[in-house]
Structure formats: C-alpha cells, structure tokens
Amino acid sequence: IRSLVQECLFELSPYPDLNSDWKPTQTAISTFCKV
C-alpha cells in the first residue's frame, strides 16, 4: 500500500489545483483491510 501511495503522491505533487469529490460507500471491509 505504501508503494502505491508513494507513486500516487509523487504523480499528484506537481498539481496544486486538484478538485475533490467524496463518495460514501456501504461496502463491507474485512478486518484485515482495516488493520
């Protein structure tokens, strides 16, 4: 997950004009994933 996030933040860092949109979900998440 850290490797994926590092690539994500590296590619996003040049852009100061990001728009955000929040979409709540009801999908069940396993205990493993929460940890």
PDB file of all heavy atoms in Angstrom:
ATOM      1  N   ILE A   1       0.834  -1.202   0.000  1.00  0.00           N
ATOM      2  CA  ILE A   1       0.000   0.000   0.000  1.00  0.00           C
ATOM      3  C   ILE A   1       0.867   1.249   0.000  1.00  0.00           C
ATOM      4  O   ILE A   1       0.598   2.215  -0.725  1.00  0.00           O
ATOM      5  CB  ILE A   1      -0.946  -0.008   1.218  1.00  0.00           C
ATOM      6  CG1 ILE A   1      -1.907  -1.201   1.133  1.00  0.00           C
ATOM      7  CG2 ILE A   1      -1.744   1.298   1.292  1.00  0.00           C
ATOM      8  CD1 ILE A   1      -2.693  -1.445   2.406  1.00  0.00           C
ATOM      9  N   ARG A   2       1.935   1.252   0.798  1.00  0.00           N
ATOM     10  CA  ARG A   2       2.834   2.406   0.852  1.00  0.00           C
ATOM     11  C   ARG A   2       3.454   2.684  -0.522  1.00  0.00           C
ATOM     12  O   ARG A   2       3.592   3.838  -0.933  1.00  0.00           O
ATOM     13  CB  ARG A   2       3.932   2.182   1.888  1.00  0.00           C
ATOM     14  CG  ARG A   2       3.464   2.281   3.330  1.00  0.00           C
ATOM     15  CD  ARG A   2       4.574   1.867   4.292  1.00  0.00           C
ATOM     16  NE  ARG A   2       5.678   2.797   4.273  1.00  0.00           N
ATOM     17  CZ  ARG A   2       5.835   3.806   5.132  1.00  0.00           C
ATOM     18  NH1 ARG A   2       4.949   4.005   6.092  1.00  0.00           N
ATOM     19  NH2 ARG A   2       6.874   4.605   5.050  1.00  0.00           N
ATOM     20  N   SER A   3       3.838   1.634  -1.245  1.00  0.00           N
ATOM     21  CA  SER A   3       4.422   1.829  -2.570  1.00  0.00           C
ATOM     22  C   SER A   3       3.415   2.451  -3.525  1.00  0.00           C
ATOM     23  O   SER A   3       3.756   3.353  -4.308  1.00  0.00           O
ATOM     24  CB  SER A   3       4.907   0.481  -3.131  1.00  0.00           C
ATOM     25  OG  SER A   3       5.995  -0.008  -2.391  1.00  0.00           O
ATOM     26  N   LEU A   4       2.163   1.971  -3.468  1.00  0.00           N
ATOM     27  CA  LEU A   4       1.116   2.542  -4.310  1.00  0.00           C
ATOM     28  C   LEU A   4       0.884   4.011  -3.957  1.00  0.00           C
ATOM     29  O   LEU A   4       0.752   4.865  -4.840  1.00  0.00           O
ATOM     30  CB  LEU A   4      -0.187   1.748  -4.145  1.00  0.00           C
ATOM     31  CG  LEU A   4      -0.175   0.290  -4.605  1.00  0.00           C
ATOM     32  CD1 LEU A   4      -1.474  -0.398  -4.191  1.00  0.00           C
ATOM     33  CD2 LEU A   4      -0.005   0.206  -6.120  1.00  0.00           C
ATOM     34  N   VAL A   5       0.835   4.305  -2.665  1.00  0.00           N
ATOM     35  CA  VAL A   5       0.585   5.674  -2.210  1.00  0.00           C
ATOM     36  C   VAL A   5       1.746   6.591  -2.604  1.00  0.00           C
ATOM     37  O   VAL A   5       1.536   7.738  -3.011  1.00  0.00           O
ATOM     38  CB  VAL A   5       0.353   5.715  -0.688  1.00  0.00           C
ATOM     39  CG1 VAL A   5       0.281   7.148  -0.179  1.00  0.00           C
ATOM     40  CG2 VAL A   5      -0.929   4.971  -0.330  1.00  0.00           C
ATOM     41  N   GLN A   6       2.977   6.100  -2.503  1.00  0.00           N
ATOM     42  CA  GLN A   6       4.132   6.929  -2.844  1.00  0.00           C
ATOM     43  C   GLN A   6       4.098   7.315  -4.322  1.00  0.00           C
ATOM     44  O   GLN A   6       4.374   8.467  -4.684  1.00  0.00           O
ATOM     45  CB  GLN A   6       5.428   6.196  -2.516  1.00  0.00           C
ATOM     46  CG  GLN A   6       6.682   7.038  -2.766  1.00  0.00           C
ATOM     47  CD  GLN A   6       7.919   6.439  -2.122  1.00  0.00           C
ATOM     48  OE1 GLN A   6       7.991   6.275  -0.918  1.00  0.00           O
ATOM     49  NE2 GLN A   6       8.892   6.090  -2.947  1.00  0.00           N
ATOM     50  N   GLU A   7       3.764   6.360  -5.194  1.00  0.00           N
ATOM     51  CA  GLU A   7       3.635   6.688  -6.612  1.00  0.00           C
ATOM     52  C   GLU A   7       2.510   7.692  -6.832  1.00  0.00           C
ATOM     53  O   GLU A   7       2.635   8.637  -7.625  1.00  0.00           O
ATOM     54  CB  GLU A   7       3.379   5.416  -7.428  1.00  0.00           C
ATOM     55  CG  GLU A   7       4.598   4.541  -7.609  1.00  0.00           C
ATOM     56  CD  GLU A   7       4.395   3.462  -8.666  1.00  0.00           C
ATOM     57  OE1 GLU A   7       3.427   3.586  -9.459  1.00  0.00           O
ATOM     58  OE2 GLU A   7       5.182   2.501  -8.705  1.00  0.00           O
ATOM     59  N   CYS A   8       1.398   7.480  -6.137  1.00  0.00           N
ATOM     60  CA  CYS A   8       0.247   8.375  -6.250  1.00  0.00           C
ATOM     61  C   CYS A   8       0.639   9.800  -5.882  1.00  0.00           C
ATOM     62  O   CYS A   8       0.401  10.752  -6.646  1.00  0.00           O
ATOM     63  CB  CYS A   8      -0.892   7.877  -5.359  1.00  0.00           C
ATOM     64  SG  CYS A   8      -2.224   9.061  -5.090  1.00  0.00           S
ATOM     65  N   LEU A   9       1.251   9.984  -4.715  1.00  0.00           N
ATOM     66  CA  LEU A   9       1.598  11.315  -4.238  1.00  0.00           C
ATOM     67  C   LEU A   9       2.690  11.958  -5.099  1.00  0.00           C
ATOM     68  O   LEU A   9       2.700  13.167  -5.306  1.00  0.00           O
ATOM     69  CB  LEU A   9       2.033  11.258  -2.777  1.00  0.00           C
ATOM     70  CG  LEU A   9       0.950  10.794  -1.792  1.00  0.00           C
ATOM     71  CD1 LEU A   9       1.497  10.766  -0.363  1.00  0.00           C
ATOM     72  CD2 LEU A   9      -0.282  11.688  -1.868  1.00  0.00           C
ATOM     73  N   PHE A  10       3.603  11.137  -5.601  1.00  0.00           N
ATOM     74  CA  PHE A  10       4.643  11.658  -6.497  1.00  0.00           C
ATOM     75  C   PHE A  10       4.007  12.234  -7.760  1.00  0.00           C
ATOM     76  O   PHE A  10       4.365  13.329  -8.221  1.00  0.00           O
ATOM     77  CB  PHE A  10       5.628  10.555  -6.860  1.00  0.00           C
ATOM     78  CG  PHE A  10       6.678  10.976  -7.865  1.00  0.00           C
ATOM     79  CD1 PHE A  10       7.833  11.616  -7.448  1.00  0.00           C
ATOM     80  CD2 PHE A  10       6.488  10.740  -9.220  1.00  0.00           C
ATOM     81  CE1 PHE A  10       8.798  12.020  -8.373  1.00  0.00           C
ATOM     82  CE2 PHE A  10       7.446  11.147 -10.148  1.00  0.00           C
ATOM     83  CZ  PHE A  10       8.601  11.782  -9.730  1.00  0.00           C
ATOM     84  N   GLU A  11       3.040  11.511  -8.330  1.00  0.00           N
ATOM     85  CA  GLU A  11       2.424  11.955  -9.578  1.00  0.00           C
ATOM     86  C   GLU A  11       1.453  13.108  -9.365  1.00  0.00           C
ATOM     87  O   GLU A  11       1.211  13.908 -10.272  1.00  0.00           O
ATOM     88  CB  GLU A  11       1.731  10.777 -10.265  1.00  0.00           C
ATOM     89  CG  GLU A  11       2.718   9.736 -10.757  1.00  0.00           C
ATOM     90  CD  GLU A  11       2.075   8.664 -11.622  1.00  0.00           C
ATOM     91  OE1 GLU A  11       0.961   8.895 -12.148  1.00  0.00           O
ATOM     92  OE2 GLU A  11       2.672   7.581 -11.771  1.00  0.00           O
ATOM     93  N   LEU A  12       0.885  13.205  -8.158  1.00  0.00           N
ATOM     94  CA  LEU A  12      -0.046  14.295  -7.871  1.00  0.00           C
ATOM     95  C   LEU A  12       0.653  15.584  -7.418  1.00  0.00           C
ATOM     96  O   LEU A  12       0.087  16.672  -7.542  1.00  0.00           O
ATOM     97  CB  LEU A  12      -1.037  13.874  -6.782  1.00  0.00           C
ATOM     98  CG  LEU A  12      -2.147  12.897  -7.185  1.00  0.00           C
ATOM     99  CD1 LEU A  12      -2.966  12.515  -5.969  1.00  0.00           C
ATOM    100  CD2 LEU A  12      -3.049  13.505  -8.250  1.00  0.00           C
ATOM    101  N   SER A  13       1.878  15.454  -6.905  1.00  0.00           N
ATOM    102  CA  SER A  13       2.532  16.602  -6.268  1.00  0.00           C
ATOM    103  C   SER A  13       2.746  17.811  -7.178  1.00  0.00           C
ATOM    104  O   SER A  13       2.771  18.937  -6.677  1.00  0.00           O
ATOM    105  CB  SER A  13       3.867  16.173  -5.636  1.00  0.00           C
ATOM    106  OG  SER A  13       4.713  15.553  -6.587  1.00  0.00           O
ATOM    107  N   PRO A  14       2.891  17.671  -8.515  1.00  0.00           N
ATOM    108  CA  PRO A  14       3.059  18.879  -9.327  1.00  0.00           C
ATOM    109  C   PRO A  14       1.775  19.692  -9.502  1.00  0.00           C
ATOM    110  O   PRO A  14       1.822  20.817  -9.993  1.00  0.00           O
ATOM    111  CB  PRO A  14       3.519  18.336 -10.695  1.00  0.00           C
ATOM    112  CG  PRO A  14       3.976  16.947 -10.439  1.00  0.00           C
ATOM    113  CD  PRO A  14       3.127  16.460  -9.316  1.00  0.00           C
ATOM    114  N   TYR A  15       0.631  19.120  -9.102  1.00  0.00           N
ATOM    115  CA  TYR A  15      -0.648  19.773  -9.368  1.00  0.00           C
ATOM    116  C   TYR A  15      -1.216  20.443  -8.109  1.00  0.00           C
ATOM    117  O   TYR A  15      -1.642  19.762  -7.181  1.00  0.00           O
ATOM    118  CB  TYR A  15      -1.665  18.754  -9.885  1.00  0.00           C
ATOM    119  CG  TYR A  15      -1.210  17.997 -11.115  1.00  0.00           C
ATOM    120  CD1 TYR A  15      -1.046  16.615 -11.073  1.00  0.00           C
ATOM    121  CD2 TYR A  15      -0.938  18.668 -12.298  1.00  0.00           C
ATOM    122  CE1 TYR A  15      -0.627  15.915 -12.201  1.00  0.00           C
ATOM    123  CE2 TYR A  15      -0.521  17.975 -13.426  1.00  0.00           C
ATOM    124  CZ  TYR A  15      -0.364  16.601 -13.371  1.00  0.00           C
ATOM    125  OH  TYR A  15       0.052  15.921 -14.476  1.00  0.00           O
ATOM    126  N   PRO A  16      -1.259  21.779  -8.071  1.00  0.00           N
ATOM    127  CA  PRO A  16      -1.832  22.478  -6.915  1.00  0.00           C
ATOM    128  C   PRO A  16      -3.334  22.707  -7.038  1.00  0.00           C
ATOM    129  O   PRO A  16      -3.970  23.201  -6.113  1.00  0.00           O
ATOM    130  CB  PRO A  16      -1.082  23.821  -6.924  1.00  0.00           C
ATOM    131  CG  PRO A  16      -0.832  24.072  -8.382  1.00  0.00           C
ATOM    132  CD  PRO A  16      -0.635  22.719  -9.022  1.00  0.00           C
ATOM    133  N   ASP A  17      -3.910  22.342  -8.207  1.00  0.00           N
ATOM    134  CA  ASP A  17      -5.297  22.704  -8.498  1.00  0.00           C
ATOM    135  C   ASP A  17      -6.223  21.495  -8.524  1.00  0.00           C
ATOM    136  O   ASP A  17      -7.122  21.394  -9.353  1.00  0.00           O
ATOM    137  CB  ASP A  17      -5.367  23.422  -9.847  1.00  0.00           C
ATOM    138  CG  ASP A  17      -4.794  22.572 -10.992  1.00  0.00           C
ATOM    139  OD1 ASP A  17      -4.036  21.622 -10.703  1.00  0.00           O
ATOM    140  OD2 ASP A  17      -5.102  22.862 -12.158  1.00  0.00           O
ATOM    141  N   LEU A  18      -6.027  20.557  -7.608  1.00  0.00           N
ATOM    142  CA  LEU A  18      -6.839  19.345  -7.598  1.00  0.00           C
ATOM    143  C   LEU A  18      -8.230  19.623  -7.041  1.00  0.00           C
ATOM    144  O   LEU A  18      -8.381  20.268  -6.008  1.00  0.00           O
ATOM    145  CB  LEU A  18      -6.151  18.261  -6.760  1.00  0.00           C
ATOM    146  CG  LEU A  18      -4.800  17.759  -7.275  1.00  0.00           C
ATOM    147  CD1 LEU A  18      -4.123  16.908  -6.211  1.00  0.00           C
ATOM    148  CD2 LEU A  18      -4.967  16.979  -8.569  1.00  0.00           C
ATOM    149  N   ASN A  19      -9.244  19.113  -7.734  1.00  0.00           N
ATOM    150  CA  ASN A  19     -10.612  19.153  -7.230  1.00  0.00           C
ATOM    151  C   ASN A  19     -10.906  17.846  -6.520  1.00  0.00           C
ATOM    152  O   ASN A  19     -10.416  16.784  -6.922  1.00  0.00           O
ATOM    153  CB  ASN A  19     -11.596  19.363  -8.378  1.00  0.00           C
ATOM    154  CG  ASN A  19     -11.382  20.691  -9.078  1.00  0.00           C
ATOM    155  OD1 ASN A  19     -11.242  21.719  -8.425  1.00  0.00           O
ATOM    156  ND2 ASN A  19     -11.334  20.674 -10.402  1.00  0.00           N
ATOM    157  N   SER A  20     -11.711  17.899  -5.463  1.00  0.00           N
ATOM    158  CA  SER A  20     -12.013  16.687  -4.701  1.00  0.00           C
ATOM    159  C   SER A  20     -13.521  16.433  -4.667  1.00  0.00           C
ATOM    160  O   SER A  20     -14.329  17.364  -4.700  1.00  0.00           O
ATOM    161  CB  SER A  20     -11.486  16.796  -3.270  1.00  0.00           C
ATOM    162  OG  SER A  20     -12.129  17.847  -2.584  1.00  0.00           O
ATOM    163  N   ASP A  21     -13.866  15.152  -4.606  1.00  0.00           N
ATOM    164  CA  ASP A  21     -15.268  14.753  -4.515  1.00  0.00           C
ATOM    165  C   ASP A  21     -15.344  13.519  -3.623  1.00  0.00           C
ATOM    166  O   ASP A  21     -14.599  12.558  -3.830  1.00  0.00           O
ATOM    167  CB  ASP A  21     -15.822  14.449  -5.913  1.00  0.00           C
ATOM    168  CG  ASP A  21     -17.317  14.122  -5.880  1.00  0.00           C
ATOM    169  OD1 ASP A  21     -18.004  14.605  -4.953  1.00  0.00           O
ATOM    170  OD2 ASP A  21     -17.785  13.386  -6.772  1.00  0.00           O
ATOM    171  N   TRP A  22     -16.209  13.537  -2.619  1.00  0.00           N
ATOM    172  CA  TRP A  22     -16.340  12.438  -1.671  1.00  0.00           C
ATOM    173  C   TRP A  22     -17.577  11.602  -1.994  1.00  0.00           C
ATOM    174  O   TRP A  22     -18.673  12.136  -2.154  1.00  0.00           O
ATOM    175  CB  TRP A  22     -16.426  12.975  -0.241  1.00  0.00           C
ATOM    176  CG  TRP A  22     -16.776  11.926   0.783  1.00  0.00           C
ATOM    177  CD1 TRP A  22     -17.985  11.728   1.394  1.00  0.00           C
ATOM    178  CD2 TRP A  22     -15.905  10.911   1.290  1.00  0.00           C
ATOM    179  NE1 TRP A  22     -17.917  10.665   2.249  1.00  0.00           N
ATOM    180  CE2 TRP A  22     -16.651  10.137   2.212  1.00  0.00           C
ATOM    181  CE3 TRP A  22     -14.570  10.583   1.061  1.00  0.00           C
ATOM    182  CZ2 TRP A  22     -16.104   9.065   2.893  1.00  0.00           C
ATOM    183  CZ3 TRP A  22     -14.028   9.507   1.748  1.00  0.00           C
ATOM    184  CH2 TRP A  22     -14.781   8.760   2.656  1.00  0.00           C
ATOM    185  N   LYS A  23     -17.372  10.274  -2.094  1.00  0.00           N
ATOM    186  CA  LYS A  23     -18.489   9.362  -2.355  1.00  0.00           C
ATOM    187  C   LYS A  23     -18.513   8.289  -1.266  1.00  0.00           C
ATOM    188  O   LYS A  23     -17.654   7.392  -1.268  1.00  0.00           O
ATOM    189  CB  LYS A  23     -18.344   8.708  -3.729  1.00  0.00           C
ATOM    190  CG  LYS A  23     -18.507   9.671  -4.889  1.00  0.00           C
ATOM    191  CD  LYS A  23     -18.456   8.938  -6.225  1.00  0.00           C
ATOM    192  CE  LYS A  23     -18.675   9.896  -7.383  1.00  0.00           C
ATOM    193  NZ  LYS A  23     -18.627   9.186  -8.693  1.00  0.00           N
ATOM    194  N   PRO A  24     -19.448   8.359  -0.326  1.00  0.00           N
ATOM    195  CA  PRO A  24     -19.533   7.316   0.711  1.00  0.00           C
ATOM    196  C   PRO A  24     -19.969   5.994   0.115  1.00  0.00           C
ATOM    197  O   PRO A  24     -20.693   5.947  -0.883  1.00  0.00           O
ATOM    198  CB  PRO A  24     -20.591   7.872   1.675  1.00  0.00           C
ATOM    199  CG  PRO A  24     -21.398   8.804   0.850  1.00  0.00           C
ATOM    200  CD  PRO A  24     -20.486   9.389  -0.177  1.00  0.00           C
ATOM    201  N   THR A  25     -19.477   4.895   0.694  1.00  0.00           N
ATOM    202  CA  THR A  25     -19.859   3.559   0.237  1.00  0.00           C
ATOM    203  C   THR A  25     -20.296   2.721   1.425  1.00  0.00           C
ATOM    204  O   THR A  25     -19.897   2.967   2.563  1.00  0.00           O
ATOM    205  CB  THR A  25     -18.684   2.852  -0.474  1.00  0.00           C
ATOM    206  OG1 THR A  25     -17.611   2.684   0.457  1.00  0.00           O
ATOM    207  CG2 THR A  25     -18.192   3.657  -1.670  1.00  0.00           C
ATOM    208  N   GLN A  26     -21.102   1.717   1.123  1.00  0.00           N
ATOM    209  CA  GLN A  26     -21.586   0.797   2.160  1.00  0.00           C
ATOM    210  C   GLN A  26     -20.926  -0.568   2.039  1.00  0.00           C
ATOM    211  O   GLN A  26     -21.366  -1.526   2.665  1.00  0.00           O
ATOM    212  CB  GLN A  26     -23.115   0.651   2.038  1.00  0.00           C
ATOM    213  CG  GLN A  26     -23.872   1.962   2.180  1.00  0.00           C
ATOM    214  CD  GLN A  26     -23.635   2.624   3.529  1.00  0.00           C
ATOM    215  OE1 GLN A  26     -23.559   1.948   4.556  1.00  0.00           O
ATOM    216  NE2 GLN A  26     -23.517   3.945   3.523  1.00  0.00           N
ATOM    217  N   THR A  27     -19.884  -0.658   1.222  1.00  0.00           N
ATOM    218  CA  THR A  27     -19.217  -1.945   1.007  1.00  0.00           C
ATOM    219  C   THR A  27     -18.584  -2.445   2.299  1.00  0.00           C
ATOM    220  O   THR A  27     -17.910  -1.699   3.011  1.00  0.00           O
ATOM    221  CB  THR A  27     -18.114  -1.797  -0.063  1.00  0.00           C
ATOM    222  OG1 THR A  27     -18.693  -1.249  -1.243  1.00  0.00           O
ATOM    223  CG2 THR A  27     -17.481  -3.146  -0.373  1.00  0.00           C
ATOM    224  N   ALA A  28     -18.817  -3.716   2.603  1.00  0.00           N
ATOM    225  CA  ALA A  28     -18.229  -4.311   3.803  1.00  0.00           C
ATOM    226  C   ALA A  28     -16.719  -4.451   3.619  1.00  0.00           C
ATOM    227  O   ALA A  28     -16.250  -4.922   2.577  1.00  0.00           O
ATOM    228  CB  ALA A  28     -18.857  -5.672   4.073  1.00  0.00           C
ATOM    229  N   ILE A  29     -15.961  -4.033   4.609  1.00  0.00           N
ATOM    230  CA  ILE A  29     -14.497  -4.108   4.564  1.00  0.00           C
ATOM    231  C   ILE A  29     -14.023  -5.115   5.603  1.00  0.00           C
ATOM    232  O   ILE A  29     -14.463  -5.103   6.748  1.00  0.00           O
ATOM    233  CB  ILE A  29     -13.866  -2.733   4.854  1.00  0.00           C
ATOM    234  CG1 ILE A  29     -14.388  -1.685   3.874  1.00  0.00           C
ATOM    235  CG2 ILE A  29     -12.351  -2.810   4.784  1.00  0.00           C
ATOM    236  CD1 ILE A  29     -14.008  -1.916   2.447  1.00  0.00           C
ATOM    237  N   SER A  30     -13.135  -6.016   5.190  1.00  0.00           N
ATOM    238  CA  SER A  30     -12.653  -7.051   6.095  1.00  0.00           C
ATOM    239  C   SER A  30     -11.815  -6.454   7.220  1.00  0.00           C
ATOM    240  O   SER A  30     -11.273  -5.347   7.104  1.00  0.00           O
ATOM    241  CB  SER A  30     -11.816  -8.073   5.328  1.00  0.00           C
ATOM    242  OG  SER A  30     -10.570  -7.506   4.960  1.00  0.00           O
ATOM    243  N   THR A  31     -11.701  -7.213   8.297  1.00  0.00           N
ATOM    244  CA  THR A  31     -10.867  -6.777   9.428  1.00  0.00           C
ATOM    245  C   THR A  31      -9.415  -6.624   9.003  1.00  0.00           C
ATOM    246  O   THR A  31      -8.726  -5.699   9.434  1.00  0.00           O
ATOM    247  CB  THR A  31     -10.964  -7.795  10.573  1.00  0.00           C
ATOM    248  OG1 THR A  31     -12.324  -7.910  10.971  1.00  0.00           O
ATOM    249  CG2 THR A  31     -10.131  -7.353  11.766  1.00  0.00           C
ATOM    250  N   PHE A  32      -8.939  -7.532   8.139  1.00  0.00           N
ATOM    251  CA  PHE A  32      -7.562  -7.445   7.652  1.00  0.00           C
ATOM    252  C   PHE A  32      -7.301  -6.088   6.996  1.00  0.00           C
ATOM    253  O   PHE A  32      -6.305  -5.427   7.273  1.00  0.00           O
ATOM    254  CB  PHE A  32      -7.283  -8.559   6.635  1.00  0.00           C
ATOM    255  CG  PHE A  32      -6.988  -9.893   7.258  1.00  0.00           C
ATOM    256  CD1 PHE A  32      -7.598 -11.039   6.780  1.00  0.00           C
ATOM    257  CD2 PHE A  32      -6.093 -10.009   8.306  1.00  0.00           C
ATOM    258  CE1 PHE A  32      -7.323 -12.271   7.350  1.00  0.00           C
ATOM    259  CE2 PHE A  32      -5.807 -11.240   8.879  1.00  0.00           C
ATOM    260  CZ  PHE A  32      -6.430 -12.375   8.393  1.00  0.00           C
ATOM    261  N   CYS A  33      -8.204  -5.679   6.111  1.00  0.00           N
ATOM    262  CA  CYS A  33      -8.015  -4.434   5.385  1.00  0.00           C
ATOM    263  C   CYS A  33      -8.058  -3.231   6.332  1.00  0.00           C
ATOM    264  O   CYS A  33      -7.332  -2.260   6.139  1.00  0.00           O
ATOM    265  CB  CYS A  33      -9.073  -4.288   4.289  1.00  0.00           C
ATOM    266  SG  CYS A  33      -8.807  -5.413   2.892  1.00  0.00           S
ATOM    267  N   LYS A  34      -8.890  -3.319   7.349  1.00  0.00           N
ATOM    268  CA  LYS A  34      -8.962  -2.224   8.314  1.00  0.00           C
ATOM    269  C   LYS A  34      -7.636  -2.078   9.070  1.00  0.00           C
ATOM    270  O   LYS A  34      -7.212  -0.974   9.405  1.00  0.00           O
ATOM    271  CB  LYS A  34     -10.105  -2.469   9.306  1.00  0.00           C
ATOM    272  CG  LYS A  34     -11.497  -2.368   8.678  1.00  0.00           C
ATOM    273  CD  LYS A  34     -12.572  -2.716   9.690  1.00  0.00           C
ATOM    274  CE  LYS A  34     -13.969  -2.666   9.062  1.00  0.00           C
ATOM    275  NZ  LYS A  34     -15.026  -3.077  10.014  1.00  0.00           N
ATOM    276  N   VAL A  35      -6.984  -3.203   9.324  1.00  0.00           N
ATOM    277  CA  VAL A  35      -5.735  -3.186  10.089  1.00  0.00           C
ATOM    278  C   VAL A  35      -4.591  -2.563   9.286  1.00  0.00           C
ATOM    279  O   VAL A  35      -3.776  -1.815   9.823  1.00  0.00           O
ATOM    280  CB  VAL A  35      -5.360  -4.608  10.540  1.00  0.00           C
ATOM    281  CG1 VAL A  35      -3.942  -4.650  11.097  1.00  0.00           C
ATOM    282  CG2 VAL A  35      -6.345  -5.101  11.591  1.00  0.00           C
TER     283      VAL A  35
END
